[in-house]
Amino acid sequence: MLRQAANESRTGHTIGIFERLIRSAERAWKRRETAKELHALTDWELRDIGIHRADIPRVVRQSDERAQDARPAASRATAGTPAQGNRVTA
């Protein structure tokens, strides 16, 4: 029984690591795509939305930070931890 619990704990930890890795790769991809789209705009279009070309890295970084802050509190609390006892009972 203890051995099974230890194996489940290791498996849950490994899954948590992979979930964080995937989430991190997805965030990096979104940052690159956002930067690429902004760099494709003309200077006039950038000015129209209120940023300068030199501001693009900062805008992308702040956008990513805001997206992280907007995640529901429950997913921030359980991010990277194995789902244990999360069943809803009526």
Protein backbone atom coordinates (compact mmCIF):
# COMPACT_ATOMS: atom_id res chain seq x y z
CA MET A 1 0.00 0.00 0.00
CA LEU A 2 2.81 2.42 0.86
CA ARG A 3 4.67 1.45 -2.29
CA GLN A 4 1.57 2.15 -4.39
CA ALA A 5 1.11 5.55 -2.73
CA ALA A 6 4.77 6.41 -3.37
CA ASN A 7 4.47 5.40 -7.04
CA GLU A 8 1.29 7.46 -7.45
CA SER A 9 3.01 10.44 -5.84
CA ARG A 10 5.99 10.15 -8.22
CA THR A 11 3.68 9.75 -11.20
CA GLY A 12 1.66 12.81 -10.15
CA HIS A 13 4.86 14.82 -9.70
CA THR A 14 6.12 13.77 -13.14
CA ILE A 15 2.80 14.73 -14.72
CA GLY A 16 2.97 18.10 -12.93
CA ILE A 17 6.44 18.73 -14.35
CA PHE A 18 5.27 17.92 -17.88
CA GLU A 19 2.20 20.12 -17.48
CA ARG A 20 4.40 23.06 -16.39
CA LEU A 21 6.80 22.39 -19.26
CA ILE A 22 3.96 22.35 -21.80
CA ARG A 23 2.40 25.48 -20.28
CA SER A 24 5.76 27.26 -20.39
CA ALA A 25 6.35 26.29 -24.03
CA GLU A 26 2.85 27.47 -24.93
CA ARG A 27 3.43 30.84 -23.23
CA ALA A 28 6.75 31.27 -25.05
CA TRP A 29 5.08 30.45 -28.37
CA LYS A 30 2.31 33.00 -27.71
CA ARG A 31 4.90 35.67 -26.81
CA ARG A 32 6.81 35.03 -30.05
CA GLU A 33 3.61 35.12 -32.12
CA THR A 34 2.50 38.37 -30.49
CA ALA A 35 5.89 39.98 -31.08
CA LYS A 36 5.93 38.75 -34.69
CA GLU A 37 2.47 40.21 -35.34
CA LEU A 38 3.39 43.55 -33.77
CA HIS A 39 6.66 43.75 -35.73
CA ALA A 40 4.68 43.14 -38.94
CA LEU A 41 2.66 46.34 -38.37
CA THR A 42 3.76 49.62 -39.93
CA ASP A 43 4.98 52.45 -37.72
CA TRP A 44 1.73 54.28 -38.41
CA GLU A 45 -0.34 51.27 -37.29
CA LEU A 46 1.74 50.92 -34.14
CA ARG A 47 1.28 54.62 -33.35
CA ASP A 48 -2.43 54.19 -33.95
CA ILE A 49 -2.63 51.61 -31.15
CA GLY A 50 -0.40 53.75 -28.94
CA ILE A 51 2.97 52.01 -28.98
CA HIS A 52 6.35 52.57 -30.62
CA ARG A 53 8.37 49.83 -32.27
CA ALA A 54 10.92 49.97 -29.43
CA ASP A 55 8.10 49.24 -26.96
CA ILE A 56 7.18 45.88 -28.50
CA PRO A 57 9.25 43.68 -26.12
CA ARG A 58 7.80 45.49 -23.09
CA VAL A 59 4.24 45.28 -24.43
CA VAL A 60 4.62 41.55 -25.10
CA ARG A 61 6.09 40.93 -21.64
CA GLN A 62 3.33 42.93 -19.91
CA SER A 63 0.68 41.16 -21.95
CA ASP A 64 2.05 37.79 -20.81
CA GLU A 65 2.16 38.93 -17.17
CA ARG A 66 -1.46 40.13 -17.34
CA ALA A 67 -2.51 36.82 -18.86
CA GLN A 68 -0.88 35.01 -15.94
CA ASP A 69 -2.63 37.25 -13.42
CA ALA A 70 -5.97 36.64 -15.15
CA ARG A 71 -5.86 32.87 -14.59
CA PRO A 72 -8.53 31.71 -12.15
CA ALA A 73 -7.30 31.46 -8.56
CA ALA A 74 -8.05 27.72 -8.46
CA SER A 75 -5.76 26.97 -11.40
CA ARG A 76 -2.98 29.17 -9.95
CA ALA A 77 -3.27 27.32 -6.65
CA THR A 78 -3.10 23.88 -8.26
CA ALA A 79 -0.71 24.71 -11.11
CA GLY A 80 1.95 22.05 -11.30
CA THR A 81 0.46 19.91 -8.52
CA PRO A 82 -1.13 16.57 -9.14
CA ALA A 83 -4.91 16.53 -9.01
CA GLN A 84 -5.78 14.66 -5.83
CA GLY A 85 -9.18 14.70 -4.26
CA ASN A 86 -10.63 17.10 -6.83
CA ARG A 87 -13.77 15.09 -7.36
CA VAL A 88 -17.04 16.93 -6.97
CA THR A 89 -19.56 15.07 -4.91
CA ALA A 90 -23.21 15.94 -4.67
